[in-house]
Amino acid sequence: MDPTALSVSQRVSILVKALDGAKRTNEALARCSNGEAMVDVLLNASAKLGLGLSRSDLVNTPPIRDWIWWKNKEAVLTIGDAKPRYQQDGDQGRANAAASDGETPARRKFLGLF
């Protein structure tokens, strides 16, 4: 069966399953400095498997799309003032440190549920 005859999501699924346990490829993905470098590694893996995936297929198809967003520090979900969730979490404990220095901590906004 020719893998290029399958849908993009099926070929991406095959690629993801092939990455499970592929130590060298996973190490190369971990060393990537950004999402573009990850796409290059994944394109190489796709070519070796004969899947025929393109750059746009990888960038637009989950779960690889989400991996690339995470590597680029682009959160999929934003909360509040359009500040990505991972950046909100990075400020934890800073308000307490400011209060111990004698500064008044910044007041938090409550937007309500409705």
Protein backbone atom coordinates (compact mmCIF):
# COMPACT_ATOMS: atom_id res chain seq x y z
CA MET A 1 0.00 0.00 0.00
CA ASP A 2 1.30 3.42 -0.98
CA PRO A 3 1.40 5.75 2.07
CA THR A 4 1.11 8.83 -0.14
CA ALA A 5 -2.42 7.68 -1.08
CA LEU A 6 -3.51 8.13 2.55
CA SER A 7 -4.93 11.36 3.92
CA VAL A 8 -2.58 13.89 5.51
CA SER A 9 -3.86 13.16 9.02
CA GLN A 10 -3.28 9.42 8.52
CA ARG A 11 0.28 10.02 7.28
CA VAL A 12 0.97 12.34 10.24
CA SER A 13 -0.38 9.64 12.55
CA ILE A 14 2.04 7.12 11.00
CA LEU A 15 4.90 9.60 11.51
CA VAL A 16 3.96 10.16 15.17
CA LYS A 17 3.82 6.40 15.79
CA ALA A 18 7.20 5.98 14.11
CA LEU A 19 8.69 8.65 16.38
CA ASP A 20 7.69 6.67 19.47
CA GLY A 21 10.90 4.93 20.48
CA ALA A 22 13.06 6.56 17.79
CA LYS A 23 15.80 7.70 20.15
CA ARG A 24 18.01 9.60 17.67
CA THR A 25 15.10 11.46 16.09
CA ASN A 26 13.65 12.40 19.47
CA GLU A 27 17.04 13.66 20.63
CA ALA A 28 17.35 15.72 17.43
CA LEU A 29 13.87 17.19 18.05
CA ALA A 30 14.81 18.04 21.64
CA ARG A 31 17.96 19.88 20.45
CA CYS A 32 16.01 22.05 18.01
CA SER A 33 16.06 25.72 18.96
CA ASN A 34 12.72 26.56 17.33
CA GLY A 35 9.77 25.13 15.45
CA GLU A 36 11.34 25.57 12.02
CA ALA A 37 14.24 23.33 12.99
CA MET A 38 11.73 20.77 14.25
CA VAL A 39 9.92 20.84 10.91
CA ASP A 40 13.23 20.15 9.13
CA VAL A 41 13.86 17.09 11.33
CA LEU A 42 10.29 15.87 10.82
CA LEU A 43 10.50 16.38 7.05
CA ASN A 44 13.63 14.23 7.01
CA ALA A 45 11.87 11.52 9.03
CA SER A 46 8.86 11.71 6.71
CA ALA A 47 11.09 11.32 3.66
CA LYS A 48 12.83 8.27 5.17
CA LEU A 49 9.44 6.66 5.81
CA GLY A 50 8.21 7.56 2.31
CA LEU A 51 5.21 9.49 3.64
CA GLY A 52 5.60 12.46 1.31
CA LEU A 53 4.53 15.06 3.87
CA SER A 54 5.17 18.70 3.04
CA ARG A 55 6.18 21.53 5.35
CA SER A 56 2.63 22.93 5.27
CA ASP A 57 1.19 19.49 6.10
CA LEU A 58 3.31 19.33 9.26
CA VAL A 59 2.71 22.94 10.31
CA ASN A 60 -1.07 22.68 9.95
CA THR A 61 -1.84 19.16 11.24
CA PRO A 62 -2.13 18.24 14.93
CA PRO A 63 -0.36 16.98 17.01
CA ILE A 64 2.79 18.14 15.23
CA ARG A 65 1.30 21.62 14.76
CA ASP A 66 0.92 21.84 18.55
CA TRP A 67 4.50 20.65 19.15
CA ILE A 68 5.77 23.39 16.85
CA TRP A 69 3.65 26.02 18.58
CA TRP A 70 4.99 24.89 21.95
CA LYS A 71 8.60 24.93 20.76
CA ASN A 72 8.10 28.47 19.42
CA LYS A 73 6.55 29.48 22.76
CA GLU A 74 3.26 30.28 21.06
CA ALA A 75 0.50 29.09 23.35
CA VAL A 76 -2.55 27.55 21.73
CA LEU A 77 -4.81 28.96 24.45
CA THR A 78 -4.68 32.46 25.89
CA ILE A 79 -6.45 33.67 29.01
CA GLY A 80 -7.14 37.18 30.22
CA ASP A 81 -5.37 40.03 28.48
CA ALA A 82 -4.36 37.82 25.55
CA LYS A 83 -1.25 36.84 27.48
CA PRO A 84 -0.26 33.23 26.71
CA ARG A 85 -0.85 30.86 29.62
CA TYR A 86 2.78 29.79 29.88
CA GLN A 87 3.80 33.44 30.40
CA GLN A 88 1.17 33.88 33.11
CA ASP A 89 2.53 30.84 34.93
CA GLY A 90 6.06 32.23 34.76
CA ASP A 91 5.08 35.12 37.04
CA GLN A 92 4.10 32.87 39.94
CA GLY A 93 5.75 33.84 43.19
CA ARG A 94 6.87 37.26 41.99
CA ALA A 95 4.00 39.09 43.68
CA ASN A 96 4.98 37.51 46.99
CA ALA A 97 8.62 38.49 46.48
CA ALA A 98 7.59 42.09 45.76
CA ALA A 99 5.45 42.20 48.91
CA SER A 100 8.37 41.00 51.03
CA ASP A 101 10.54 43.81 49.61
CA GLY A 102 8.10 46.38 50.94
CA GLU A 103 6.47 47.06 47.58
CA THR A 104 2.75 46.80 47.13
CA PRO A 105 1.88 43.90 44.82
CA ALA A 106 -0.01 44.80 41.65
CA ARG A 107 -3.77 44.45 41.91
CA ARG A 108 -5.23 41.56 39.95
CA LYS A 109 -8.18 41.96 37.62
CA PHE A 110 -11.19 39.70 37.96
CA LEU A 111 -13.09 39.55 34.73
CA GLY A 112 -15.93 37.40 36.08
CA LEU A 113 -17.49 34.35 34.59
CA PHE A 114 -20.27 36.04 32.61
